[in-house]
PDB file of all heavy atoms in Angstrom:
ATOM      1  N   ILE A   1     -16.181 -12.062  -0.338  1.00  0.00           N
ATOM      2  CA  ILE A   1     -14.862 -12.157  -0.765  1.00  0.00           C
ATOM      3  C   ILE A   1     -14.412 -13.647  -0.483  1.00  0.00           C
ATOM      4  O   ILE A   1     -14.641 -14.188   0.591  1.00  0.00           O
ATOM      5  CB  ILE A   1     -13.914 -11.195  -0.011  1.00  0.00           C
ATOM      6  CG1 ILE A   1     -14.285  -9.826  -0.461  1.00  0.00           C
ATOM      7  CG2 ILE A   1     -12.488 -11.553  -0.292  1.00  0.00           C
ATOM      8  CD1 ILE A   1     -13.568  -8.725   0.348  1.00  0.00           C
ATOM      9  N   PRO A   2     -13.889 -14.426  -1.496  1.00  0.00           N
ATOM     10  CA  PRO A   2     -13.609 -15.853  -1.248  1.00  0.00           C
ATOM     11  C   PRO A   2     -12.652 -16.017  -0.054  1.00  0.00           C
ATOM     12  O   PRO A   2     -11.669 -15.401   0.112  1.00  0.00           O
ATOM     13  CB  PRO A   2     -12.946 -16.186  -2.640  1.00  0.00           C
ATOM     14  CG  PRO A   2     -13.449 -15.152  -3.682  1.00  0.00           C
ATOM     15  CD  PRO A   2     -13.476 -13.907  -2.829  1.00  0.00           C
ATOM     16  N   ASP A   3     -13.002 -17.106   0.630  1.00  0.00           N
ATOM     17  CA  ASP A   3     -12.120 -17.564   1.740  1.00  0.00           C
ATOM     18  C   ASP A   3     -10.642 -17.768   1.257  1.00  0.00           C
ATOM     19  O   ASP A   3      -9.730 -17.600   2.054  1.00  0.00           O
ATOM     20  CB  ASP A   3     -12.644 -18.816   2.513  1.00  0.00           C
ATOM     21  CG  ASP A   3     -13.883 -18.581   3.255  1.00  0.00           C
ATOM     22  OD1 ASP A   3     -14.042 -17.402   3.825  1.00  0.00           O
ATOM     23  OD2 ASP A   3     -14.752 -19.478   3.394  1.00  0.00           O
ATOM     24  N   ALA A   4     -10.478 -18.281   0.052  1.00  0.00           N
ATOM     25  CA  ALA A   4      -9.216 -18.687  -0.418  1.00  0.00           C
ATOM     26  C   ALA A   4      -8.240 -17.471  -0.579  1.00  0.00           C
ATOM     27  O   ALA A   4      -6.968 -17.574  -0.705  1.00  0.00           O
ATOM     28  CB  ALA A   4      -9.325 -19.306  -1.757  1.00  0.00           C
ATOM     29  N   TRP A   5      -8.687 -16.210  -0.489  1.00  0.00           N
ATOM     30  CA  TRP A   5      -7.948 -15.137  -0.528  1.00  0.00           C
ATOM     31  C   TRP A   5      -7.267 -14.551   0.758  1.00  0.00           C
ATOM     32  O   TRP A   5      -6.637 -13.686   0.824  1.00  0.00           O
ATOM     33  CB  TRP A   5      -8.771 -13.861  -1.126  1.00  0.00           C
ATOM     34  CG  TRP A   5      -9.178 -14.063  -2.574  1.00  0.00           C
ATOM     35  CD1 TRP A   5      -9.068 -15.270  -3.312  1.00  0.00           C
ATOM     36  CD2 TRP A   5      -9.881 -13.131  -3.394  1.00  0.00           C
ATOM     37  NE1 TRP A   5      -9.584 -15.098  -4.535  1.00  0.00           N
ATOM     38  CE2 TRP A   5     -10.061 -13.723  -4.696  1.00  0.00           C
ATOM     39  CE3 TRP A   5     -10.332 -11.838  -3.218  1.00  0.00           C
ATOM     40  CZ2 TRP A   5     -10.735 -13.160  -5.709  1.00  0.00           C
ATOM     41  CZ3 TRP A   5     -10.944 -11.257  -4.254  1.00  0.00           C
ATOM     42  CH2 TRP A   5     -11.220 -11.854  -5.583  1.00  0.00           C
ATOM     43  N   PHE A   6      -7.660 -15.407   1.815  1.00  0.00           N
ATOM     44  CA  PHE A   6      -7.108 -15.000   3.179  1.00  0.00           C
ATOM     45  C   PHE A   6      -6.092 -15.990   3.664  1.00  0.00           C
ATOM     46  O   PHE A   6      -6.140 -17.199   3.221  1.00  0.00           O
ATOM     47  CB  PHE A   6      -8.312 -14.971   4.155  1.00  0.00           C
ATOM     48  CG  PHE A   6      -9.336 -13.914   3.911  1.00  0.00           C
ATOM     49  CD1 PHE A   6     -10.424 -14.218   3.028  1.00  0.00           C
ATOM     50  CD2 PHE A   6      -9.394 -12.788   4.528  1.00  0.00           C
ATOM     51  CE1 PHE A   6     -11.415 -13.286   2.858  1.00  0.00           C
ATOM     52  CE2 PHE A   6     -10.389 -11.768   4.278  1.00  0.00           C
ATOM     53  CZ  PHE A   6     -11.342 -12.098   3.433  1.00  0.00           C
ATOM     54  N   TYR A   7      -5.310 -15.480   4.532  1.00  0.00           N
ATOM     55  CA  TYR A   7      -4.354 -16.439   5.222  1.00  0.00           C
ATOM     56  C   TYR A   7      -5.198 -17.487   5.928  1.00  0.00           C
ATOM     57  O   TYR A   7      -6.164 -17.097   6.656  1.00  0.00           O
ATOM     58  CB  TYR A   7      -3.479 -15.718   6.202  1.00  0.00           C
ATOM     59  CG  TYR A   7      -2.337 -14.964   5.658  1.00  0.00           C
ATOM     60  CD1 TYR A   7      -2.158 -13.621   5.810  1.00  0.00           C
ATOM     61  CD2 TYR A   7      -1.264 -15.706   4.978  1.00  0.00           C
ATOM     62  CE1 TYR A   7      -1.012 -12.999   5.235  1.00  0.00           C
ATOM     63  CE2 TYR A   7      -0.099 -15.053   4.521  1.00  0.00           C
ATOM     64  CZ  TYR A   7      -0.045 -13.687   4.569  1.00  0.00           C
ATOM     65  OH  TYR A   7       0.999 -13.072   4.101  1.00  0.00           O
ATOM     66  N   SER A   8      -4.898 -18.777   5.813  1.00  0.00           N
ATOM     67  CA  SER A   8      -5.637 -19.814   6.454  1.00  0.00           C
ATOM     68  C   SER A   8      -7.014 -19.961   5.919  1.00  0.00           C
ATOM     69  O   SER A   8      -7.861 -20.744   6.501  1.00  0.00           O
ATOM     70  CB  SER A   8      -5.604 -19.687   7.937  1.00  0.00           C
ATOM     71  OG  SER A   8      -4.350 -19.665   8.485  1.00  0.00           O
ATOM     72  N   GLY A   9      -7.358 -19.280   4.931  1.00  0.00           N
ATOM     73  CA  GLY A   9      -8.724 -19.499   4.325  1.00  0.00           C
ATOM     74  C   GLY A   9      -9.922 -19.328   5.233  1.00  0.00           C
ATOM     75  O   GLY A   9      -9.975 -18.377   6.141  1.00  0.00           O
ATOM     76  N   ALA A  10     -10.801 -20.439   5.194  1.00  0.00           N
ATOM     77  CA  ALA A  10     -12.009 -20.391   6.001  1.00  0.00           C
ATOM     78  C   ALA A  10     -11.537 -20.502   7.421  1.00  0.00           C
ATOM     79  O   ALA A  10     -12.399 -20.255   8.435  1.00  0.00           O
ATOM     80  CB  ALA A  10     -12.959 -21.416   5.623  1.00  0.00           C
ATOM     81  N   GLN A  11     -10.416 -20.976   7.722  1.00  0.00           N
ATOM     82  CA  GLN A  11      -9.945 -21.216   9.192  1.00  0.00           C
ATOM     83  C   GLN A  11      -9.186 -20.040   9.741  1.00  0.00           C
ATOM     84  O   GLN A  11      -8.621 -20.156  10.764  1.00  0.00           O
ATOM     85  CB  GLN A  11      -8.996 -22.501   9.222  1.00  0.00           C
ATOM     86  CG  GLN A  11      -9.719 -23.800   8.617  1.00  0.00           C
ATOM     87  CD  GLN A  11     -11.006 -24.025   9.237  1.00  0.00           C
ATOM     88  OE1 GLN A  11     -11.182 -24.060  10.476  1.00  0.00           O
ATOM     89  NE2 GLN A  11     -11.987 -24.460   8.449  1.00  0.00           N
ATOM     90  N   ARG A  12      -9.281 -18.884   8.969  1.00  0.00           N
ATOM     91  CA  ARG A  12      -8.517 -17.697   9.573  1.00  0.00           C
ATOM     92  C   ARG A  12      -9.141 -17.336  10.914  1.00  0.00           C
ATOM     93  O   ARG A  12     -10.283 -17.732  11.269  1.00  0.00           O
ATOM     94  CB  ARG A  12      -8.629 -16.582   8.598  1.00  0.00           C
ATOM     95  CG  ARG A  12     -10.018 -16.009   8.435  1.00  0.00           C
ATOM     96  CD  ARG A  12      -9.992 -14.980   7.271  1.00  0.00           C
ATOM     97  NE  ARG A  12     -11.275 -14.327   7.021  1.00  0.00           N
ATOM     98  CZ  ARG A  12     -12.242 -14.794   6.365  1.00  0.00           C
ATOM     99  NH1 ARG A  12     -12.090 -16.043   5.783  1.00  0.00           N
ATOM    100  NH2 ARG A  12     -13.381 -14.192   6.015  1.00  0.00           N
ATOM    101  N   PRO A  13      -8.354 -16.639  11.675  1.00  0.00           N
ATOM    102  CA  PRO A  13      -8.775 -16.252  13.108  1.00  0.00           C
ATOM    103  C   PRO A  13     -10.149 -15.625  13.224  1.00  0.00           C
ATOM    104  O   PRO A  13     -10.538 -14.768  12.376  1.00  0.00           O
ATOM    105  CB  PRO A  13      -7.665 -15.302  13.468  1.00  0.00           C
ATOM    106  CG  PRO A  13      -6.467 -15.635  12.758  1.00  0.00           C
ATOM    107  CD  PRO A  13      -7.021 -16.131  11.389  1.00  0.00           C
ATOM    108  N   ALA A  14     -10.983 -16.156  14.038  1.00  0.00           N
ATOM    109  CA  ALA A  14     -12.361 -15.746  14.158  1.00  0.00           C
ATOM    110  C   ALA A  14     -12.362 -14.182  14.503  1.00  0.00           C
ATOM    111  O   ALA A  14     -13.272 -13.476  14.118  1.00  0.00           O
ATOM    112  CB  ALA A  14     -13.067 -16.541  15.230  1.00  0.00           C
ATOM    113  N   ALA A  15     -11.429 -13.777  15.271  1.00  0.00           N
ATOM    114  CA  ALA A  15     -11.401 -12.341  15.625  1.00  0.00           C
ATOM    115  C   ALA A  15     -11.290 -11.469  14.406  1.00  0.00           C
ATOM    116  O   ALA A  15     -12.003 -10.438  14.358  1.00  0.00           O
ATOM    117  CB  ALA A  15     -10.319 -11.986  16.650  1.00  0.00           C
ATOM    118  N   LEU A  16     -10.517 -11.803  13.462  1.00  0.00           N
ATOM    119  CA  LEU A  16     -10.325 -11.038  12.233  1.00  0.00           C
ATOM    120  C   LEU A  16     -11.583 -11.182  11.466  1.00  0.00           C
ATOM    121  O   LEU A  16     -12.107 -10.117  11.012  1.00  0.00           O
ATOM    122  CB  LEU A  16      -9.110 -11.586  11.394  1.00  0.00           C
ATOM    123  CG  LEU A  16      -7.733 -11.137  11.739  1.00  0.00           C
ATOM    124  CD1 LEU A  16      -6.711 -11.831  10.973  1.00  0.00           C
ATOM    125  CD2 LEU A  16      -7.529  -9.651  11.677  1.00  0.00           C
ATOM    126  N   LYS A  17     -12.194 -12.246  11.320  1.00  0.00           N
ATOM    127  CA  LYS A  17     -13.381 -12.462  10.547  1.00  0.00           C
ATOM    128  C   LYS A  17     -14.527 -11.665  11.125  1.00  0.00           C
ATOM    129  O   LYS A  17     -15.416 -11.206  10.379  1.00  0.00           O
ATOM    130  CB  LYS A  17     -13.690 -14.042  10.547  1.00  0.00           C
ATOM    131  CG  LYS A  17     -14.733 -14.347   9.461  1.00  0.00           C
ATOM    132  CD  LYS A  17     -14.881 -15.792   9.221  1.00  0.00           C
ATOM    133  CE  LYS A  17     -15.842 -16.235   8.125  1.00  0.00           C
ATOM    134  NZ  LYS A  17     -15.987 -17.596   7.834  1.00  0.00           N
ATOM    135  N   SER A  18     -14.532 -11.538  12.495  1.00  0.00           N
ATOM    136  CA  SER A  18     -15.634 -10.845  13.078  1.00  0.00           C
ATOM    137  C   SER A  18     -15.687  -9.324  12.800  1.00  0.00           C
ATOM    138  O   SER A  18     -16.698  -8.708  12.988  1.00  0.00           O
ATOM    139  CB  SER A  18     -15.532 -11.067  14.612  1.00  0.00           C
ATOM    140  OG  SER A  18     -14.473 -10.290  15.136  1.00  0.00           O
ATOM    141  N   LEU A  19     -14.584  -8.854  12.251  1.00  0.00           N
ATOM    142  CA  LEU A  19     -14.490  -7.392  11.917  1.00  0.00           C
ATOM    143  C   LEU A  19     -15.327  -7.050  10.642  1.00  0.00           C
ATOM    144  O   LEU A  19     -15.829  -6.061  10.469  1.00  0.00           O
ATOM    145  CB  LEU A  19     -13.085  -6.904  11.681  1.00  0.00           C
ATOM    146  CG  LEU A  19     -12.092  -6.904  12.882  1.00  0.00           C
ATOM    147  CD1 LEU A  19     -10.711  -6.637  12.385  1.00  0.00           C
ATOM    148  CD2 LEU A  19     -12.553  -5.874  13.889  1.00  0.00           C
ATOM    149  N   GLU A  20     -15.418  -8.093   9.780  1.00  0.00           N
ATOM    150  CA  GLU A  20     -15.966  -7.883   8.440  1.00  0.00           C
ATOM    151  C   GLU A  20     -17.404  -7.613   8.522  1.00  0.00           C
ATOM    152  O   GLU A  20     -18.235  -8.278   9.238  1.00  0.00           O
ATOM    153  CB  GLU A  20     -15.662  -9.095   7.565  1.00  0.00           C
ATOM    154  CG  GLU A  20     -14.259  -9.255   7.297  1.00  0.00           C
ATOM    155  CD  GLU A  20     -13.809 -10.623   6.811  1.00  0.00           C
ATOM    156  OE1 GLU A  20     -14.716 -11.496   6.483  1.00  0.00           O
ATOM    157  OE2 GLU A  20     -12.655 -10.975   6.733  1.00  0.00           O
ATOM    158  N   GLY A  21     -17.776  -6.521   7.761  1.00  0.00           N
ATOM    159  CA  GLY A  21     -19.259  -6.014   7.849  1.00  0.00           C
ATOM    160  C   GLY A  21     -19.484  -5.014   8.868  1.00  0.00           C
ATOM    161  O   GLY A  21     -20.611  -4.447   8.981  1.00  0.00           O
ATOM    162  N   LYS A  22     -18.432  -4.606   9.645  1.00  0.00           N
ATOM    163  CA  LYS A  22     -18.616  -3.608  10.658  1.00  0.00           C
ATOM    164  C   LYS A  22     -17.828  -2.320  10.297  1.00  0.00           C
ATOM    165  O   LYS A  22     -17.009  -2.400   9.354  1.00  0.00           O
ATOM    166  CB  LYS A  22     -17.969  -4.120  12.014  1.00  0.00           C
ATOM    167  CG  LYS A  22     -18.758  -5.346  12.647  1.00  0.00           C
ATOM    168  CD  LYS A  22     -18.214  -5.809  13.963  1.00  0.00           C
ATOM    169  CE  LYS A  22     -18.961  -6.989  14.506  1.00  0.00           C
ATOM    170  NZ  LYS A  22     -18.355  -7.476  15.696  1.00  0.00           N
ATOM    171  N   PRO A  23     -18.201  -1.216  10.828  1.00  0.00           N
ATOM    172  CA  PRO A  23     -17.598   0.031  10.556  1.00  0.00           C
ATOM    173  C   PRO A  23     -16.118   0.063  10.870  1.00  0.00           C
ATOM    174  O   PRO A  23     -15.732  -0.478  11.924  1.00  0.00           O
ATOM    175  CB  PRO A  23     -18.372   1.044  11.289  1.00  0.00           C
ATOM    176  CG  PRO A  23     -19.003   0.309  12.477  1.00  0.00           C
ATOM    177  CD  PRO A  23     -19.322  -1.051  11.939  1.00  0.00           C
ATOM    178  N   ALA A  24     -15.263   0.613  10.050  1.00  0.00           N
ATOM    179  CA  ALA A  24     -13.888   0.828  10.285  1.00  0.00           C
ATOM    180  C   ALA A  24     -13.649   1.671  11.562  1.00  0.00           C
ATOM    181  O   ALA A  24     -14.311   2.666  11.769  1.00  0.00           O
ATOM    182  CB  ALA A  24     -13.192   1.344   9.100  1.00  0.00           C
ATOM    183  N   LEU A  25     -12.690   1.291  12.287  1.00  0.00           N
ATOM    184  CA  LEU A  25     -12.311   1.982  13.485  1.00  0.00           C
ATOM    185  C   LEU A  25     -11.231   3.040  13.229  1.00  0.00           C
ATOM    186  O   LEU A  25     -10.369   2.898  12.385  1.00  0.00           O
ATOM    187  CB  LEU A  25     -11.831   1.024  14.638  1.00  0.00           C
ATOM    188  CG  LEU A  25     -12.997  -0.084  14.991  1.00  0.00           C
ATOM    189  CD1 LEU A  25     -12.257  -1.178  15.905  1.00  0.00           C
ATOM    190  CD2 LEU A  25     -14.096   0.565  15.713  1.00  0.00           C
ATOM    191  N   ALA A  26     -11.345   4.179  13.921  1.00  0.00           N
ATOM    192  CA  ALA A  26     -10.402   5.281  13.692  1.00  0.00           C
ATOM    193  C   ALA A  26      -8.942   4.812  14.046  1.00  0.00           C
ATOM    194  O   ALA A  26      -8.787   3.872  14.852  1.00  0.00           O
ATOM    195  CB  ALA A  26     -10.759   6.439  14.588  1.00  0.00           C
ATOM    196  N   LEU A  27      -7.988   5.444  13.374  1.00  0.00           N
ATOM    197  CA  LEU A  27      -6.584   5.128  13.580  1.00  0.00           C
ATOM    198  C   LEU A  27      -6.080   5.808  14.773  1.00  0.00           C
ATOM    199  O   LEU A  27      -6.226   7.195  14.785  1.00  0.00           O
ATOM    200  CB  LEU A  27      -5.694   5.436  12.338  1.00  0.00           C
ATOM    201  CG  LEU A  27      -6.210   4.857  10.987  1.00  0.00           C
ATOM    202  CD1 LEU A  27      -5.276   5.180   9.920  1.00  0.00           C
ATOM    203  CD2 LEU A  27      -6.203   3.244  11.251  1.00  0.00           C
ATOM    204  N   THR A  28      -5.447   5.208  15.722  1.00  0.00           N
ATOM    205  CA  THR A  28      -4.805   5.931  16.912  1.00  0.00           C
ATOM    206  C   THR A  28      -3.378   5.755  16.809  1.00  0.00           C
ATOM    207  O   THR A  28      -2.754   4.721  17.120  1.00  0.00           O
ATOM    208  CB  THR A  28      -5.351   5.354  18.274  1.00  0.00           C
ATOM    209  OG1 THR A  28      -6.750   5.375  18.197  1.00  0.00           O
ATOM    210  CG2 THR A  28      -4.857   6.108  19.436  1.00  0.00           C
ATOM    211  N   THR A  29      -2.649   6.736  16.208  1.00  0.00           N
ATOM    212  CA  THR A  29      -1.173   6.617  15.935  1.00  0.00           C
ATOM    213  C   THR A  29      -0.402   7.879  16.520  1.00  0.00           C
ATOM    214  O   THR A  29      -1.010   8.787  16.875  1.00  0.00           O
ATOM    215  CB  THR A  29      -0.935   6.490  14.394  1.00  0.00           C
ATOM    216  OG1 THR A  29      -1.464   7.591  13.791  1.00  0.00           O
ATOM    217  CG2 THR A  29      -1.713   5.214  13.877  1.00  0.00           C
ATOM    218  N   GLU A  30       0.946   7.655  16.474  1.00  0.00           N
ATOM    219  CA  GLU A  30       1.774   8.775  17.049  1.00  0.00           C
ATOM    220  C   GLU A  30       2.541   9.503  16.070  1.00  0.00           C
ATOM    221  O   GLU A  30       2.685  10.702  16.238  1.00  0.00           O
ATOM    222  CB  GLU A  30       2.719   8.041  18.031  1.00  0.00           C
ATOM    223  CG  GLU A  30       1.966   7.474  19.263  1.00  0.00           C
ATOM    224  CD  GLU A  30       3.002   6.747  20.250  1.00  0.00           C
ATOM    225  OE1 GLU A  30       4.150   6.582  19.835  1.00  0.00           O
ATOM    226  OE2 GLU A  30       2.611   6.582  21.421  1.00  0.00           O
ATOM    227  N   GLU A  31       3.126   8.898  15.077  1.00  0.00           N
ATOM    228  CA  GLU A  31       4.037   9.549  14.084  1.00  0.00           C
ATOM    229  C   GLU A  31       3.684   9.178  12.706  1.00  0.00           C
ATOM    230  O   GLU A  31       3.189   8.017  12.413  1.00  0.00           O
ATOM    231  CB  GLU A  31       5.491   9.233  14.484  1.00  0.00           C
ATOM    232  CG  GLU A  31       6.005   9.617  15.854  1.00  0.00           C
ATOM    233  CD  GLU A  31       7.379   9.241  16.048  1.00  0.00           C
ATOM    234  OE1 GLU A  31       8.171   9.531  15.174  1.00  0.00           O
ATOM    235  OE2 GLU A  31       7.644   8.602  17.131  1.00  0.00           O
ATOM    236  N   TRP A  32       4.001  10.076  11.787  1.00  0.00           N
ATOM    237  CA  TRP A  32       3.726   9.801  10.359  1.00  0.00           C
ATOM    238  C   TRP A  32       4.922  10.020   9.509  1.00  0.00           C
ATOM    239  O   TRP A  32       5.682  11.118   9.746  1.00  0.00           O
ATOM    240  CB  TRP A  32       2.560  10.680   9.833  1.00  0.00           C
ATOM    241  CG  TRP A  32       1.143  10.179  10.365  1.00  0.00           C
ATOM    242  CD1 TRP A  32       0.589  10.506  11.545  1.00  0.00           C
ATOM    243  CD2 TRP A  32       0.276   9.373   9.637  1.00  0.00           C
ATOM    244  NE1 TRP A  32      -0.620   9.933  11.725  1.00  0.00           N
ATOM    245  CE2 TRP A  32      -0.837   9.174  10.512  1.00  0.00           C
ATOM    246  CE3 TRP A  32       0.325   8.774   8.453  1.00  0.00           C
ATOM    247  CZ2 TRP A  32      -1.986   8.492  10.226  1.00  0.00           C
ATOM    248  CZ3 TRP A  32      -0.864   7.956   8.098  1.00  0.00           C
ATOM    249  CH2 TRP A  32      -1.999   7.796   8.964  1.00  0.00           C
ATOM    250  N   ILE A  33       4.999   9.264   8.513  1.00  0.00           N
ATOM    251  CA  ILE A  33       5.950   9.484   7.404  1.00  0.00           C
ATOM    252  C   ILE A  33       5.088   9.721   6.210  1.00  0.00           C
ATOM    253  O   ILE A  33       4.507   8.698   5.751  1.00  0.00           O
ATOM    254  CB  ILE A  33       7.069   8.430   7.128  1.00  0.00           C
ATOM    255  CG1 ILE A  33       7.786   8.235   8.479  1.00  0.00           C
ATOM    256  CG2 ILE A  33       7.847   8.745   5.991  1.00  0.00           C
ATOM    257  CD1 ILE A  33       8.785   7.050   8.463  1.00  0.00           C
ATOM    258  N   GLY A  34       5.032  10.875   5.645  1.00  0.00           N
ATOM    259  CA  GLY A  34       4.076  11.175   4.562  1.00  0.00           C
ATOM    260  C   GLY A  34       2.730  11.829   5.259  1.00  0.00           C
ATOM    261  O   GLY A  34       2.755  12.183   6.394  1.00  0.00           O
ATOM    262  N   ASP A  35       1.848  12.073   4.379  1.00  0.00           N
ATOM    263  CA  ASP A  35       0.657  12.856   4.818  1.00  0.00           C
ATOM    264  C   ASP A  35      -0.225  12.001   5.778  1.00  0.00           C
ATOM    265  O   ASP A  35      -0.312  10.841   5.683  1.00  0.00           O
ATOM    266  CB  ASP A  35      -0.237  13.097   3.589  1.00  0.00           C
ATOM    267  CG  ASP A  35       0.359  14.058   2.619  1.00  0.00           C
ATOM    268  OD1 ASP A  35       1.271  14.897   3.086  1.00  0.00           O
ATOM    269  OD2 ASP A  35       0.034  14.051   1.463  1.00  0.00           O
ATOM    270  N   ARG A  36      -0.628  12.734   6.850  1.00  0.00           N
ATOM    271  CA  ARG A  36      -1.493  12.094   7.872  1.00  0.00           C
ATOM    272  C   ARG A  36      -2.824  11.715   7.284  1.00  0.00           C
ATOM    273  O   ARG A  36      -3.404  12.495   6.498  1.00  0.00           O
ATOM    274  CB  ARG A  36      -1.609  13.002   9.056  1.00  0.00           C
ATOM    275  CG  ARG A  36      -2.378  12.422  10.278  1.00  0.00           C
ATOM    276  CD  ARG A  36      -2.533  13.378  11.427  1.00  0.00           C
ATOM    277  NE  ARG A  36      -3.060  12.744  12.579  1.00  0.00           N
ATOM    278  CZ  ARG A  36      -4.353  12.722  12.792  1.00  0.00           C
ATOM    279  NH1 ARG A  36      -5.252  13.251  11.948  1.00  0.00           N
ATOM    280  NH2 ARG A  36      -4.834  12.150  13.854  1.00  0.00           N
ATOM    281  N   VAL A  37      -3.419  10.553   7.643  1.00  0.00           N
ATOM    282  CA  VAL A  37      -4.618  10.052   7.123  1.00  0.00           C
ATOM    283  C   VAL A  37      -5.583   9.846   8.175  1.00  0.00           C
ATOM    284  O   VAL A  37      -5.275   9.176   9.167  1.00  0.00           O
ATOM    285  CB  VAL A  37      -4.385   8.722   6.267  1.00  0.00           C
ATOM    286  CG1 VAL A  37      -5.812   8.193   5.862  1.00  0.00           C
ATOM    287  CG2 VAL A  37      -3.547   9.055   5.070  1.00  0.00           C
ATOM    288  N   THR A  38      -6.896  10.293   8.037  1.00  0.00           N
ATOM    289  CA  THR A  38      -7.937   9.920   8.873  1.00  0.00           C
ATOM    290  C   THR A  38      -8.996   9.265   8.015  1.00  0.00           C
ATOM    291  O   THR A  38      -9.234   9.627   6.847  1.00  0.00           O
ATOM    292  CB  THR A  38      -8.584  11.095   9.616  1.00  0.00           C
ATOM    293  OG1 THR A  38      -9.107  12.070   8.703  1.00  0.00           O
ATOM    294  CG2 THR A  38      -7.580  11.755  10.543  1.00  0.00           C
ATOM    295  N   LEU A  39      -9.573   8.221   8.583  1.00  0.00           N
ATOM    296  CA  LEU A  39     -10.575   7.431   7.704  1.00  0.00           C
ATOM    297  C   LEU A  39     -11.782   8.280   7.350  1.00  0.00           C
ATOM    298  O   LEU A  39     -12.366   8.158   6.290  1.00  0.00           O
ATOM    299  CB  LEU A  39     -10.925   6.140   8.498  1.00  0.00           C
ATOM    300  CG  LEU A  39      -9.787   5.152   8.709  1.00  0.00           C
ATOM    301  CD1 LEU A  39     -10.309   3.939   9.356  1.00  0.00           C
ATOM    302  CD2 LEU A  39      -8.872   4.867   7.471  1.00  0.00           C
ATOM    303  N   SER A  40     -12.241   9.151   8.298  1.00  0.00           N
ATOM    304  CA  SER A  40     -13.433   9.811   8.033  1.00  0.00           C
ATOM    305  C   SER A  40     -13.370  10.835   6.888  1.00  0.00           C
ATOM    306  O   SER A  40     -14.317  10.995   6.188  1.00  0.00           O
ATOM    307  CB  SER A  40     -13.823  10.659   9.347  1.00  0.00           C
ATOM    308  OG  SER A  40     -12.775  11.538   9.697  1.00  0.00           O
ATOM    309  N   GLU A  41     -12.125  11.330   6.633  1.00  0.00           N
ATOM    310  CA  GLU A  41     -11.991  12.266   5.553  1.00  0.00           C
ATOM    311  C   GLU A  41     -11.914  11.584   4.151  1.00  0.00           C
ATOM    312  O   GLU A  41     -11.987  12.232   3.137  1.00  0.00           O
ATOM    313  CB  GLU A  41     -10.705  13.166   5.700  1.00  0.00           C
ATOM    314  CG  GLU A  41      -9.391  12.287   5.582  1.00  0.00           C
ATOM    315  CD  GLU A  41      -8.260  13.186   5.738  1.00  0.00           C
ATOM    316  OE1 GLU A  41      -8.380  14.475   5.790  1.00  0.00           O
ATOM    317  OE2 GLU A  41      -7.139  12.647   5.980  1.00  0.00           O
ATOM    318  N   HIS A  42     -11.747  10.252   4.230  1.00  0.00           N
ATOM    319  CA  HIS A  42     -11.747   9.551   2.896  1.00  0.00           C
ATOM    320  C   HIS A  42     -12.931   8.647   2.743  1.00  0.00           C
ATOM    321  O   HIS A  42     -12.894   7.557   1.954  1.00  0.00           O
ATOM    322  CB  HIS A  42     -10.381   8.625   2.911  1.00  0.00           C
ATOM    323  CG  HIS A  42      -9.174   9.579   2.746  1.00  0.00           C
ATOM    324  ND1 HIS A  42      -8.898  10.215   1.702  1.00  0.00           N
ATOM    325  CD2 HIS A  42      -8.161   9.661   3.620  1.00  0.00           C
ATOM    326  CE1 HIS A  42      -7.812  10.820   1.798  1.00  0.00           C
ATOM    327  NE2 HIS A  42      -7.297  10.609   3.042  1.00  0.00           N
ATOM    328  N   ARG A  43     -14.090   8.890   3.414  1.00  0.00           N
ATOM    329  CA  ARG A  43     -15.217   8.242   3.092  1.00  0.00           C
ATOM    330  C   ARG A  43     -15.602   8.412   1.663  1.00  0.00           C
ATOM    331  O   ARG A  43     -15.542   9.600   1.131  1.00  0.00           O
ATOM    332  CB  ARG A  43     -16.366   8.703   3.958  1.00  0.00           C
ATOM    333  CG  ARG A  43     -17.788   8.029   3.813  1.00  0.00           C
ATOM    334  CD  ARG A  43     -17.702   6.626   4.369  1.00  0.00           C
ATOM    335  NE  ARG A  43     -17.256   6.465   5.637  1.00  0.00           N
ATOM    336  CZ  ARG A  43     -17.964   6.648   6.732  1.00  0.00           C
ATOM    337  NH1 ARG A  43     -19.259   7.044   6.594  1.00  0.00           N
ATOM    338  NH2 ARG A  43     -17.512   6.454   8.003  1.00  0.00           N
ATOM    339  N   GLY A  44     -15.997   7.394   0.958  1.00  0.00           N
ATOM    340  CA  GLY A  44     -16.178   7.387  -0.552  1.00  0.00           C
ATOM    341  C   GLY A  44     -15.012   6.819  -1.253  1.00  0.00           C
ATOM    342  O   GLY A  44     -15.171   6.579  -2.512  1.00  0.00           O
ATOM    343  N   LYS A  45     -13.935   6.509  -0.538  1.00  0.00           N
ATOM    344  CA  LYS A  45     -12.894   5.854  -1.179  1.00  0.00           C
ATOM    345  C   LYS A  45     -12.598   4.498  -0.657  1.00  0.00           C
ATOM    346  O   LYS A  45     -13.098   4.192   0.423  1.00  0.00           O
ATOM    347  CB  LYS A  45     -11.525   6.719  -1.079  1.00  0.00           C
ATOM    348  CG  LYS A  45     -11.642   8.072  -1.706  1.00  0.00           C
ATOM    349  CD  LYS A  45     -10.279   8.835  -1.540  1.00  0.00           C
ATOM    350  CE  LYS A  45     -10.323  10.188  -2.331  1.00  0.00           C
ATOM    351  NZ  LYS A  45      -9.065  11.007  -2.179  1.00  0.00           N
ATOM    352  N   VAL A  46     -11.810   3.659  -1.334  1.00  0.00           N
ATOM    353  CA  VAL A  46     -11.453   2.378  -0.761  1.00  0.00           C
ATOM    354  C   VAL A  46     -10.190   2.487  -0.026  1.00  0.00           C
ATOM    355  O   VAL A  46      -9.216   3.200  -0.560  1.00  0.00           O
ATOM    356  CB  VAL A  46     -11.237   1.326  -1.870  1.00  0.00           C
ATOM    357  CG1 VAL A  46     -10.711   0.052  -1.432  1.00  0.00           C
ATOM    358  CG2 VAL A  46     -12.699   1.126  -2.655  1.00  0.00           C
TER     359      VAL A  46
END
């Protein structure tokens, strides 16, 4: 994905960039407006 599509481009925070290519982490949340979503149930979708 081109660097130009990110805030600060290639200089974006290293911590954010380090997430890319790694498995998504589960959502730890308290309240929902709308249907509750878990990432595991949506494997196969973007």
